[in-house]
N, C-alpha and C. Protein backbone atom coordinates (compact mmCIF):
# COMPACT_ATOMS: atom_id res chain seq x y z
N MET A 1 0.84 -1.19 0.00
CA MET A 1 0.00 0.00 0.00
C MET A 1 0.88 1.25 0.00
N ASN A 2 0.34 2.36 -0.45
CA ASN A 2 1.10 3.60 -0.47
C ASN A 2 1.50 4.01 0.94
N GLY A 3 2.76 4.39 1.08
CA GLY A 3 3.24 4.86 2.38
C GLY A 3 3.68 3.76 3.31
N LEU A 4 3.75 2.51 2.82
CA LEU A 4 4.13 1.39 3.68
C LEU A 4 5.02 0.42 2.91
N THR A 5 6.08 -0.05 3.58
CA THR A 5 7.00 -1.03 2.99
C THR A 5 7.14 -2.22 3.93
N ILE A 6 7.08 -3.43 3.38
CA ILE A 6 7.29 -4.64 4.18
C ILE A 6 8.78 -4.97 4.17
N LEU A 7 9.38 -5.08 5.35
CA LEU A 7 10.80 -5.43 5.47
C LEU A 7 11.00 -6.89 5.80
N TYR A 8 10.00 -7.51 6.45
CA TYR A 8 10.16 -8.89 6.89
C TYR A 8 8.77 -9.51 7.08
N GLU A 9 8.70 -10.82 6.81
CA GLU A 9 7.44 -11.54 7.02
C GLU A 9 7.75 -12.98 7.39
N ASP A 10 7.05 -13.49 8.40
CA ASP A 10 7.06 -14.92 8.68
C ASP A 10 5.64 -15.35 9.00
N GLU A 11 5.47 -16.52 9.63
CA GLU A 11 4.12 -17.03 9.88
C GLU A 11 3.39 -16.27 10.99
N GLU A 12 4.13 -15.43 11.74
CA GLU A 12 3.53 -14.71 12.88
C GLU A 12 3.38 -13.21 12.65
N ILE A 13 4.36 -12.59 12.03
CA ILE A 13 4.40 -11.12 12.00
C ILE A 13 4.85 -10.57 10.65
N PHE A 14 4.58 -9.28 10.49
CA PHE A 14 5.24 -8.44 9.50
C PHE A 14 6.05 -7.40 10.26
N VAL A 15 7.24 -7.07 9.77
CA VAL A 15 7.95 -5.87 10.18
C VAL A 15 7.80 -4.88 9.02
N ILE A 16 7.23 -3.74 9.31
CA ILE A 16 6.93 -2.77 8.25
C ILE A 16 7.56 -1.42 8.58
N SER A 17 7.67 -0.59 7.56
CA SER A 17 8.09 0.80 7.73
C SER A 17 7.00 1.68 7.12
N LYS A 18 6.53 2.64 7.90
CA LYS A 18 5.46 3.50 7.41
C LYS A 18 5.94 4.95 7.28
N ASN A 19 5.29 5.67 6.37
CA ASN A 19 5.59 7.08 6.18
C ASN A 19 4.90 7.93 7.23
N SER A 20 5.45 9.10 7.47
CA SER A 20 4.76 10.09 8.28
C SER A 20 3.43 10.45 7.61
N GLY A 21 2.38 10.62 8.41
CA GLY A 21 1.07 10.98 7.87
C GLY A 21 0.14 9.80 7.69
N LEU A 22 0.67 8.58 7.79
CA LEU A 22 -0.17 7.38 7.66
C LEU A 22 -0.58 6.90 9.05
N ALA A 23 -1.89 6.84 9.28
CA ALA A 23 -2.40 6.40 10.58
C ALA A 23 -2.24 4.89 10.73
N VAL A 24 -1.98 4.46 11.94
CA VAL A 24 -1.88 3.03 12.23
C VAL A 24 -3.26 2.42 12.39
N GLN A 25 -4.14 3.16 13.05
CA GLN A 25 -5.47 2.64 13.37
C GLN A 25 -6.54 3.56 12.81
N GLY A 26 -7.58 2.97 12.21
CA GLY A 26 -8.69 3.75 11.67
C GLY A 26 -9.54 4.39 12.75
N GLY A 27 -10.33 5.37 12.34
CA GLY A 27 -11.22 6.06 13.27
C GLY A 27 -11.89 7.21 12.58
N ALA A 28 -12.53 8.06 13.35
CA ALA A 28 -13.24 9.21 12.79
C ALA A 28 -12.28 10.11 12.02
N ASN A 29 -12.69 10.51 10.83
CA ASN A 29 -11.95 11.43 9.97
C ASN A 29 -10.61 10.88 9.47
N ILE A 30 -10.41 9.57 9.57
CA ILE A 30 -9.19 8.95 9.05
C ILE A 30 -9.54 8.15 7.80
N LYS A 31 -9.02 8.59 6.66
CA LYS A 31 -9.35 7.94 5.38
C LYS A 31 -8.54 6.68 5.15
N HIS A 32 -7.28 6.69 5.56
CA HIS A 32 -6.41 5.54 5.30
C HIS A 32 -5.68 5.16 6.58
N SER A 33 -5.63 3.87 6.87
CA SER A 33 -4.93 3.39 8.06
C SER A 33 -4.37 2.00 7.78
N ILE A 34 -3.32 1.65 8.51
CA ILE A 34 -2.67 0.37 8.31
C ILE A 34 -3.60 -0.79 8.64
N ASP A 35 -4.35 -0.68 9.74
CA ASP A 35 -5.19 -1.81 10.15
C ASP A 35 -6.31 -2.12 9.16
N VAL A 36 -6.68 -1.14 8.35
CA VAL A 36 -7.72 -1.35 7.33
C VAL A 36 -7.11 -1.58 5.96
N ASP A 37 -6.32 -0.64 5.48
CA ASP A 37 -5.83 -0.68 4.10
C ASP A 37 -4.81 -1.81 3.87
N PHE A 38 -3.90 -1.98 4.80
CA PHE A 38 -2.90 -3.04 4.66
C PHE A 38 -3.57 -4.41 4.72
N ALA A 39 -4.53 -4.55 5.65
CA ALA A 39 -5.27 -5.81 5.75
C ALA A 39 -6.00 -6.12 4.45
N ASP A 40 -6.61 -5.10 3.86
CA ASP A 40 -7.32 -5.29 2.58
C ASP A 40 -6.34 -5.71 1.48
N GLU A 41 -5.16 -5.09 1.47
CA GLU A 41 -4.19 -5.36 0.41
C GLU A 41 -3.67 -6.80 0.48
N ILE A 42 -3.41 -7.29 1.68
CA ILE A 42 -2.85 -8.64 1.81
C ILE A 42 -3.93 -9.71 1.94
N GLY A 43 -5.17 -9.28 2.08
CA GLY A 43 -6.28 -10.23 2.12
C GLY A 43 -6.45 -10.98 3.42
N GLN A 44 -5.98 -10.39 4.51
CA GLN A 44 -6.18 -11.03 5.82
C GLN A 44 -6.16 -9.96 6.91
N LYS A 45 -6.83 -10.25 8.00
CA LYS A 45 -6.85 -9.32 9.13
C LYS A 45 -5.48 -9.26 9.76
N ILE A 46 -5.12 -8.06 10.26
CA ILE A 46 -3.87 -7.92 11.01
C ILE A 46 -4.19 -7.44 12.41
N PHE A 47 -3.22 -7.63 13.31
CA PHE A 47 -3.44 -7.32 14.71
C PHE A 47 -2.30 -6.41 15.19
N LEU A 48 -2.66 -5.26 15.74
CA LEU A 48 -1.67 -4.29 16.19
C LEU A 48 -1.11 -4.72 17.55
N VAL A 49 0.22 -4.75 17.66
CA VAL A 49 0.84 -5.13 18.93
C VAL A 49 1.55 -3.94 19.59
N HIS A 50 1.73 -2.87 18.83
CA HIS A 50 2.16 -1.57 19.38
C HIS A 50 1.81 -0.55 18.31
N ARG A 51 2.03 0.71 18.61
CA ARG A 51 1.58 1.76 17.69
C ARG A 51 2.65 2.82 17.49
N LEU A 52 2.51 3.53 16.38
CA LEU A 52 3.25 4.76 16.15
C LEU A 52 2.23 5.87 15.91
N ASP A 53 2.54 7.07 16.37
CA ASP A 53 1.68 8.20 16.05
C ASP A 53 1.56 8.35 14.54
N LYS A 54 0.46 8.89 14.10
CA LYS A 54 0.25 9.13 12.67
C LYS A 54 1.41 9.91 12.05
N ASP A 55 1.92 10.89 12.78
CA ASP A 55 2.95 11.77 12.22
C ASP A 55 4.37 11.27 12.45
N THR A 56 4.51 10.10 13.09
CA THR A 56 5.83 9.50 13.29
C THR A 56 6.09 8.48 12.19
N ALA A 57 7.23 8.59 11.55
CA ALA A 57 7.61 7.65 10.49
C ALA A 57 8.36 6.47 11.10
N GLY A 58 8.46 5.37 10.31
CA GLY A 58 9.40 4.34 10.67
C GLY A 58 8.85 2.95 10.93
N LEU A 59 9.62 2.19 11.73
CA LEU A 59 9.45 0.75 11.86
C LEU A 59 8.43 0.37 12.92
N MET A 60 7.66 -0.68 12.61
CA MET A 60 6.76 -1.26 13.60
C MET A 60 6.45 -2.71 13.24
N ILE A 61 5.88 -3.42 14.19
CA ILE A 61 5.52 -4.83 14.02
C ILE A 61 4.00 -4.95 14.03
N VAL A 62 3.46 -5.76 13.13
CA VAL A 62 2.04 -6.14 13.19
C VAL A 62 1.96 -7.66 13.13
N ALA A 63 0.98 -8.21 13.84
CA ALA A 63 0.83 -9.67 13.92
C ALA A 63 -0.23 -10.17 12.96
N LYS A 64 -0.13 -11.47 12.62
CA LYS A 64 -1.04 -12.07 11.64
C LYS A 64 -2.26 -12.75 12.26
N ASN A 65 -2.19 -13.05 13.55
CA ASN A 65 -3.31 -13.76 14.18
C ASN A 65 -3.33 -13.44 15.67
N PRO A 66 -4.42 -13.77 16.37
CA PRO A 66 -4.53 -13.41 17.79
C PRO A 66 -3.47 -14.04 18.68
N VAL A 67 -3.08 -15.29 18.39
CA VAL A 67 -2.05 -15.96 19.21
C VAL A 67 -0.71 -15.24 19.07
N ALA A 68 -0.36 -14.91 17.83
CA ALA A 68 0.89 -14.17 17.59
C ALA A 68 0.82 -12.78 18.22
N ALA A 69 -0.35 -12.16 18.15
CA ALA A 69 -0.52 -10.82 18.73
C ALA A 69 -0.28 -10.85 20.23
N ALA A 70 -0.82 -11.85 20.92
CA ALA A 70 -0.62 -11.97 22.37
C ALA A 70 0.86 -12.18 22.68
N LYS A 71 1.53 -13.04 21.90
CA LYS A 71 2.95 -13.32 22.11
C LYS A 71 3.79 -12.05 21.93
N TRP A 72 3.57 -11.34 20.83
CA TRP A 72 4.41 -10.19 20.52
C TRP A 72 4.08 -8.98 21.37
N THR A 73 2.84 -8.84 21.80
CA THR A 73 2.50 -7.78 22.75
C THR A 73 3.28 -7.98 24.05
N LYS A 74 3.37 -9.24 24.49
CA LYS A 74 4.11 -9.57 25.71
C LYS A 74 5.61 -9.33 25.52
N LEU A 75 6.15 -9.70 24.36
CA LEU A 75 7.57 -9.48 24.09
C LEU A 75 7.92 -7.99 24.09
N ILE A 76 7.04 -7.19 23.52
CA ILE A 76 7.28 -5.74 23.46
C ILE A 76 7.16 -5.12 24.85
N SER A 77 6.11 -5.46 25.58
CA SER A 77 5.93 -4.89 26.92
C SER A 77 6.99 -5.38 27.89
N GLY A 78 7.55 -6.56 27.61
CA GLY A 78 8.60 -7.11 28.46
C GLY A 78 10.00 -6.68 28.09
N LYS A 79 10.13 -5.74 27.17
CA LYS A 79 11.40 -5.14 26.77
C LYS A 79 12.29 -6.09 25.97
N THR A 80 11.74 -7.21 25.51
CA THR A 80 12.53 -8.11 24.68
C THR A 80 12.76 -7.51 23.30
N VAL A 81 11.78 -6.77 22.81
CA VAL A 81 11.93 -6.01 21.57
C VAL A 81 12.44 -4.62 21.93
N LYS A 82 13.53 -4.21 21.32
CA LYS A 82 14.10 -2.89 21.60
C LYS A 82 13.74 -1.93 20.46
N LYS A 83 13.21 -0.76 20.85
CA LYS A 83 12.77 0.23 19.87
C LYS A 83 13.61 1.50 20.01
N GLU A 84 14.25 1.89 18.91
CA GLU A 84 15.07 3.11 18.92
C GLU A 84 14.50 4.13 17.93
N TYR A 85 14.56 5.37 18.35
CA TYR A 85 14.03 6.48 17.57
C TYR A 85 15.10 7.54 17.39
N ILE A 86 14.91 8.35 16.35
CA ILE A 86 15.69 9.58 16.18
C ILE A 86 14.71 10.75 16.18
N ALA A 87 15.04 11.79 16.95
CA ALA A 87 14.25 13.02 16.95
C ALA A 87 15.18 14.19 16.63
N ILE A 88 14.67 15.15 15.87
CA ILE A 88 15.36 16.42 15.67
C ILE A 88 14.62 17.44 16.54
N CYS A 89 15.34 18.00 17.49
CA CYS A 89 14.71 18.84 18.51
C CYS A 89 15.21 20.28 18.44
N ALA A 90 14.37 21.18 18.92
CA ALA A 90 14.75 22.58 19.03
C ALA A 90 15.49 22.79 20.35
N GLY A 91 16.73 23.29 20.25
CA GLY A 91 17.53 23.47 21.45
C GLY A 91 18.36 22.23 21.72
N THR A 92 18.72 22.05 22.99
CA THR A 92 19.52 20.89 23.37
C THR A 92 19.12 20.44 24.76
N ILE A 93 19.70 19.35 25.20
CA ILE A 93 19.36 18.78 26.50
C ILE A 93 20.64 18.46 27.25
N GLU A 94 20.63 18.69 28.54
CA GLU A 94 21.80 18.40 29.38
C GLU A 94 21.41 17.42 30.47
N PRO A 95 22.26 16.44 30.78
CA PRO A 95 23.50 16.11 30.07
C PRO A 95 23.20 15.56 28.68
N LYS A 96 24.23 15.38 27.88
CA LYS A 96 24.05 14.95 26.50
C LYS A 96 23.63 13.48 26.38
N LYS A 97 23.80 12.75 27.45
CA LYS A 97 23.38 11.35 27.47
C LYS A 97 22.79 11.04 28.84
N GLY A 98 21.66 10.36 28.85
CA GLY A 98 21.05 10.07 30.14
C GLY A 98 19.72 9.35 30.01
N MET A 99 18.97 9.43 31.10
CA MET A 99 17.67 8.75 31.17
C MET A 99 16.65 9.72 31.74
N ILE A 100 15.50 9.79 31.09
CA ILE A 100 14.39 10.59 31.59
C ILE A 100 13.39 9.64 32.25
N CYS A 101 13.18 9.84 33.55
CA CYS A 101 12.22 9.02 34.29
C CYS A 101 11.16 9.96 34.86
N GLU A 102 10.16 10.24 34.08
CA GLU A 102 9.09 11.14 34.51
C GLU A 102 7.74 10.51 34.17
N LYS A 103 6.87 10.47 35.16
CA LYS A 103 5.56 9.86 34.95
C LYS A 103 4.75 10.65 33.94
N ILE A 104 3.90 9.94 33.22
CA ILE A 104 3.02 10.55 32.22
C ILE A 104 1.58 10.22 32.59
N VAL A 105 0.72 11.22 32.52
CA VAL A 105 -0.69 11.02 32.84
C VAL A 105 -1.42 10.50 31.60
N GLN A 106 -2.04 9.34 31.73
CA GLN A 106 -2.84 8.76 30.66
C GLN A 106 -4.18 8.32 31.23
N HIS A 107 -5.24 8.83 30.60
CA HIS A 107 -6.60 8.52 31.04
C HIS A 107 -6.79 8.82 32.53
N GLY A 108 -6.21 9.95 32.95
CA GLY A 108 -6.37 10.39 34.32
C GLY A 108 -5.51 9.68 35.34
N GLU A 109 -4.61 8.82 34.88
CA GLU A 109 -3.78 8.03 35.79
C GLU A 109 -2.30 8.24 35.48
N GLU A 110 -1.49 8.48 36.52
CA GLU A 110 -0.06 8.62 36.34
C GLU A 110 0.58 7.27 36.09
N LYS A 111 1.40 7.18 35.03
CA LYS A 111 2.07 5.93 34.71
C LYS A 111 3.56 6.16 34.55
N LYS A 112 4.34 5.16 34.97
CA LYS A 112 5.79 5.23 34.85
C LYS A 112 6.19 5.32 33.38
N ALA A 113 7.17 6.17 33.08
CA ALA A 113 7.67 6.30 31.72
C ALA A 113 9.18 6.53 31.77
N VAL A 114 9.92 5.74 31.00
CA VAL A 114 11.38 5.82 31.02
C VAL A 114 11.91 5.89 29.58
N THR A 115 12.69 6.93 29.31
CA THR A 115 13.28 7.14 27.99
C THR A 115 14.79 7.34 28.13
N ASN A 116 15.59 6.50 27.49
CA ASN A 116 17.04 6.70 27.42
C ASN A 116 17.35 7.55 26.18
N TYR A 117 18.29 8.45 26.31
CA TYR A 117 18.59 9.33 25.18
C TYR A 117 20.08 9.61 25.07
N GLU A 118 20.49 10.00 23.86
CA GLU A 118 21.86 10.46 23.63
C GLU A 118 21.85 11.45 22.47
N VAL A 119 22.44 12.61 22.69
CA VAL A 119 22.57 13.61 21.63
C VAL A 119 23.65 13.15 20.66
N GLU A 120 23.26 12.95 19.40
CA GLU A 120 24.23 12.48 18.39
C GLU A 120 24.96 13.63 17.72
N LYS A 121 24.25 14.72 17.47
CA LYS A 121 24.91 15.89 16.90
C LYS A 121 24.04 17.12 17.13
N GLU A 122 24.67 18.29 17.03
CA GLU A 122 23.96 19.55 17.16
C GLU A 122 24.18 20.36 15.89
N ILE A 123 23.12 21.00 15.43
CA ILE A 123 23.15 21.70 14.15
C ILE A 123 22.79 23.16 14.37
N GLU A 124 23.67 24.06 13.95
CA GLU A 124 23.37 25.50 14.04
C GLU A 124 22.55 25.92 12.83
N THR A 125 21.44 26.60 13.07
CA THR A 125 20.56 27.06 11.98
C THR A 125 20.20 28.52 12.20
N GLU A 126 19.52 29.09 11.23
CA GLU A 126 19.04 30.47 11.35
C GLU A 126 18.03 30.62 12.48
N CYS A 127 17.42 29.51 12.90
CA CYS A 127 16.43 29.55 13.98
C CYS A 127 17.02 29.09 15.31
N GLY A 128 18.34 29.01 15.38
CA GLY A 128 18.97 28.53 16.60
C GLY A 128 19.43 27.09 16.46
N LYS A 129 19.81 26.50 17.55
CA LYS A 129 20.40 25.17 17.55
C LYS A 129 19.33 24.09 17.46
N LEU A 130 19.59 23.08 16.60
CA LEU A 130 18.79 21.87 16.57
C LEU A 130 19.66 20.71 17.04
N SER A 131 19.05 19.75 17.73
CA SER A 131 19.78 18.58 18.21
C SER A 131 19.21 17.32 17.60
N GLN A 132 20.08 16.45 17.12
CA GLN A 132 19.66 15.12 16.68
C GLN A 132 19.88 14.16 17.85
N ILE A 133 18.78 13.57 18.33
CA ILE A 133 18.84 12.76 19.54
C ILE A 133 18.35 11.35 19.25
N ARG A 134 19.14 10.36 19.69
CA ARG A 134 18.73 8.96 19.60
C ARG A 134 18.08 8.57 20.91
N LEU A 135 16.94 7.87 20.80
CA LEU A 135 16.15 7.53 21.98
C LEU A 135 15.84 6.04 22.00
N LEU A 136 15.98 5.43 23.17
CA LEU A 136 15.66 4.03 23.37
C LEU A 136 14.59 3.95 24.46
N LEU A 137 13.44 3.41 24.10
CA LEU A 137 12.32 3.35 25.03
C LEU A 137 12.41 2.14 25.95
N GLU A 138 12.15 2.37 27.23
CA GLU A 138 11.97 1.27 28.18
C GLU A 138 10.50 1.04 28.49
N THR A 139 9.69 2.07 28.25
CA THR A 139 8.23 1.95 28.37
C THR A 139 7.62 2.52 27.10
N GLY A 140 6.35 2.23 26.87
CA GLY A 140 5.73 2.66 25.61
C GLY A 140 4.46 3.44 25.81
N ARG A 141 4.54 4.53 26.58
CA ARG A 141 3.36 5.36 26.81
C ARG A 141 3.04 6.21 25.58
N MET A 142 1.78 6.57 25.44
CA MET A 142 1.36 7.40 24.31
C MET A 142 2.09 8.75 24.34
N HIS A 143 2.71 9.10 23.22
CA HIS A 143 3.43 10.37 23.05
C HIS A 143 4.57 10.51 24.05
N GLN A 144 5.10 9.39 24.54
CA GLN A 144 6.12 9.43 25.59
C GLN A 144 7.33 10.28 25.21
N ILE A 145 7.91 10.02 24.04
CA ILE A 145 9.10 10.76 23.63
C ILE A 145 8.80 12.24 23.50
N ARG A 146 7.67 12.54 22.89
CA ARG A 146 7.30 13.94 22.65
C ARG A 146 7.12 14.69 23.97
N ILE A 147 6.46 14.05 24.93
CA ILE A 147 6.21 14.68 26.22
C ILE A 147 7.51 14.82 27.01
N HIS A 148 8.30 13.77 27.07
CA HIS A 148 9.54 13.81 27.84
C HIS A 148 10.49 14.89 27.32
N LEU A 149 10.66 14.98 26.01
CA LEU A 149 11.57 15.98 25.46
C LEU A 149 11.04 17.40 25.67
N ALA A 150 9.74 17.59 25.49
CA ALA A 150 9.16 18.92 25.70
C ALA A 150 9.31 19.36 27.15
N LYS A 151 9.10 18.43 28.09
CA LYS A 151 9.23 18.77 29.51
C LYS A 151 10.67 19.12 29.88
N ASN A 152 11.61 18.67 29.09
CA ASN A 152 13.02 18.95 29.35
C ASN A 152 13.56 20.06 28.44
N SER A 153 12.64 20.92 28.00
CA SER A 153 12.99 22.12 27.23
C SER A 153 13.73 21.81 25.94
N CYS A 154 13.40 20.66 25.35
CA CYS A 154 14.03 20.25 24.09
C CYS A 154 12.95 19.65 23.19
N PRO A 155 11.93 20.44 22.84
CA PRO A 155 10.79 19.89 22.10
C PRO A 155 11.16 19.43 20.69
N ILE A 156 10.46 18.41 20.22
CA ILE A 156 10.70 17.94 18.86
C ILE A 156 10.22 18.97 17.86
N ALA A 157 11.05 19.28 16.87
CA ALA A 157 10.67 20.22 15.82
C ALA A 157 9.43 19.70 15.08
N GLY A 158 8.48 20.58 14.86
CA GLY A 158 7.25 20.20 14.17
C GLY A 158 6.17 19.63 15.05
N ASP A 159 6.42 19.56 16.36
CA ASP A 159 5.41 19.01 17.28
C ASP A 159 4.56 20.15 17.83
N ASP A 160 3.40 20.37 17.21
CA ASP A 160 2.52 21.46 17.65
C ASP A 160 1.69 21.08 18.87
N GLN A 161 1.58 19.80 19.16
CA GLN A 161 0.76 19.37 20.29
C GLN A 161 1.50 19.50 21.62
N HIS A 162 2.75 19.07 21.65
CA HIS A 162 3.51 19.10 22.90
C HIS A 162 4.69 20.07 22.85
N GLY A 163 5.02 20.55 21.66
CA GLY A 163 6.21 21.37 21.50
C GLY A 163 5.94 22.86 21.53
N ASN A 164 6.77 23.60 20.82
CA ASN A 164 6.73 25.07 20.81
C ASN A 164 6.08 25.54 19.52
N PHE A 165 4.80 25.89 19.60
CA PHE A 165 4.03 26.24 18.40
C PHE A 165 4.62 27.46 17.70
N LYS A 166 4.99 28.47 18.46
CA LYS A 166 5.54 29.70 17.88
C LYS A 166 6.85 29.41 17.15
N LEU A 167 7.71 28.62 17.78
CA LEU A 167 8.99 28.27 17.14
C LEU A 167 8.75 27.40 15.91
N ASN A 168 7.78 26.50 15.97
CA ASN A 168 7.49 25.65 14.82
C ASN A 168 7.08 26.48 13.60
N LYS A 169 6.35 27.56 13.82
CA LYS A 169 5.98 28.45 12.70
C LYS A 169 7.22 29.06 12.08
N GLN A 170 8.17 29.44 12.93
CA GLN A 170 9.42 30.00 12.44
C GLN A 170 10.24 28.95 11.69
N LEU A 171 10.28 27.72 12.23
CA LEU A 171 11.02 26.63 11.58
C LEU A 171 10.42 26.29 10.22
N LYS A 172 9.11 26.34 10.13
CA LYS A 172 8.43 26.06 8.87
C LYS A 172 8.74 27.14 7.83
N LYS A 173 8.69 28.38 8.28
CA LYS A 173 8.93 29.50 7.36
C LYS A 173 10.39 29.57 6.91
N THR A 174 11.31 29.38 7.85
CA THR A 174 12.73 29.58 7.56
C THR A 174 13.42 28.33 7.01
N LEU A 175 13.11 27.17 7.61
CA LEU A 175 13.81 25.94 7.25
C LEU A 175 12.95 24.94 6.49
N GLY A 176 11.67 25.28 6.29
CA GLY A 176 10.78 24.40 5.53
C GLY A 176 10.34 23.16 6.28
N ILE A 177 10.44 23.18 7.62
CA ILE A 177 10.04 22.01 8.43
C ILE A 177 8.52 21.99 8.54
N LYS A 178 7.90 21.00 7.92
CA LYS A 178 6.45 20.92 7.89
C LYS A 178 5.90 19.67 8.58
N LYS A 179 6.81 18.79 9.02
CA LYS A 179 6.37 17.53 9.63
C LYS A 179 7.00 17.36 11.00
N LEU A 180 6.44 16.45 11.78
CA LEU A 180 7.04 16.07 13.04
C LEU A 180 8.35 15.35 12.76
N LEU A 181 9.44 15.83 13.33
CA LEU A 181 10.76 15.25 13.03
C LEU A 181 11.09 14.16 14.04
N LEU A 182 10.36 13.06 13.92
CA LEU A 182 10.54 11.90 14.78
C LEU A 182 10.35 10.64 13.94
N ALA A 183 11.28 9.69 14.08
CA ALA A 183 11.18 8.45 13.30
C ALA A 183 11.66 7.27 14.14
N SER A 184 10.95 6.16 13.99
CA SER A 184 11.37 4.88 14.58
C SER A 184 12.34 4.24 13.60
N VAL A 185 13.64 4.23 13.94
CA VAL A 185 14.66 3.88 12.95
C VAL A 185 15.29 2.51 13.15
N LYS A 186 15.08 1.91 14.33
CA LYS A 186 15.75 0.63 14.59
C LYS A 186 14.91 -0.24 15.51
N LEU A 187 14.73 -1.50 15.11
CA LEU A 187 14.05 -2.50 15.93
C LEU A 187 14.98 -3.69 16.10
N THR A 188 15.16 -4.11 17.34
CA THR A 188 15.90 -5.35 17.62
C THR A 188 14.88 -6.38 18.08
N VAL A 189 14.75 -7.46 17.30
CA VAL A 189 13.63 -8.39 17.44
C VAL A 189 14.15 -9.82 17.61
N PRO A 190 13.65 -10.58 18.60
CA PRO A 190 14.06 -11.97 18.74
C PRO A 190 13.39 -12.86 17.69
N LEU A 191 14.19 -13.38 16.79
CA LEU A 191 13.69 -14.24 15.71
C LEU A 191 14.62 -15.45 15.54
N GLN A 192 14.04 -16.63 15.51
CA GLN A 192 14.81 -17.85 15.27
C GLN A 192 16.00 -17.97 16.23
N SER A 193 15.69 -17.78 17.51
CA SER A 193 16.65 -17.97 18.62
C SER A 193 17.80 -16.97 18.62
N LYS A 194 17.65 -15.87 17.91
CA LYS A 194 18.67 -14.83 17.98
C LYS A 194 18.03 -13.46 17.72
N ASN A 195 18.74 -12.43 18.08
CA ASN A 195 18.24 -11.08 17.85
C ASN A 195 18.54 -10.65 16.41
N GLN A 196 17.51 -10.17 15.75
CA GLN A 196 17.67 -9.66 14.39
C GLN A 196 17.38 -8.16 14.41
N VAL A 197 18.24 -7.41 13.76
CA VAL A 197 18.12 -5.96 13.77
C VAL A 197 17.56 -5.46 12.44
N PHE A 198 16.53 -4.64 12.53
CA PHE A 198 15.98 -3.95 11.36
C PHE A 198 16.26 -2.47 11.54
N GLU A 199 16.83 -1.86 10.51
CA GLU A 199 17.21 -0.46 10.62
C GLU A 199 16.95 0.25 9.29
N ILE A 200 16.46 1.47 9.37
CA ILE A 200 16.20 2.27 8.17
C ILE A 200 16.92 3.61 8.29
N PRO A 201 17.24 4.23 7.16
CA PRO A 201 17.83 5.57 7.22
C PRO A 201 16.79 6.60 7.62
N LEU A 202 17.27 7.75 8.07
CA LEU A 202 16.34 8.83 8.38
C LEU A 202 15.61 9.28 7.12
N PRO A 203 14.33 9.63 7.25
CA PRO A 203 13.63 10.25 6.11
C PRO A 203 14.39 11.51 5.66
N GLU A 204 14.31 11.81 4.39
CA GLU A 204 15.05 12.94 3.84
C GLU A 204 14.74 14.25 4.56
N TYR A 205 13.47 14.42 4.94
CA TYR A 205 13.08 15.70 5.57
C TYR A 205 13.67 15.86 6.98
N MET A 206 14.32 14.80 7.50
CA MET A 206 14.96 14.90 8.81
C MET A 206 16.47 15.03 8.72
N CYS A 207 17.00 15.08 7.50
CA CYS A 207 18.46 15.14 7.32
C CYS A 207 18.93 16.57 7.21
N PHE A 208 19.77 16.97 8.15
CA PHE A 208 20.30 18.34 8.16
C PHE A 208 21.82 18.31 8.15
C-alpha cells in the first residue's frame, strides 16, 4: 500500500516501515490506516501489537493472528523487543546522554515512563540550535518521547501538540520544516533464537 514497505514476514508477523502521515489505526476522519488498508491489500486481518503516532515515520511490528498478537505484545511490553528512535529537537538537552524518568498522565492516571537518550549531533541554523537525539524506550506510553523531550525544554521540531508552536511556525517559514521530526529507525527483534536488527535511514526531511 502507499506509504508502507514490508521489510520482513514470517508465519507470525510483518515488520513494516510507514511514512509520516499514515495512521496506524482507523477512526473518525481517518481515510487511510494500516489496520484497514494493509489488511485489505494482503487479504487477511492484522493485529496491532504496538503503535506509532500518525505523524511518526518508521518501523513497527504487526501480527497475523490473535495468538501471535498476544505473544508479541508480551515481548514488546517485556522489553525483549528494543525500539530506537531519532528526533530532531529545538535546542539541546543536558546532560548529552542520560535517562528521563518522569511519569506521564494517561486517562487520568499517572504511569511510569522511562526514555534513554543520547545527543548524536547539534546543528546550528538560522532559527537557533537543533539537536539530533537517539532515543531508546523502556516503556511505551502514548506520546512518551514527545512529552519527555518537551518537559526537558528540548521539544521535537514540528510538534505542535507538545512542543513550541511559535517556534514551529518560524522553523516552517525559515527551514521548511512541515512535519514532526521523529522516526522509529531501529528495531531489535528476537527471531529464530537470535536477535535480528531492522534499521532504516532517516527520512530525507529529517536530514540536516
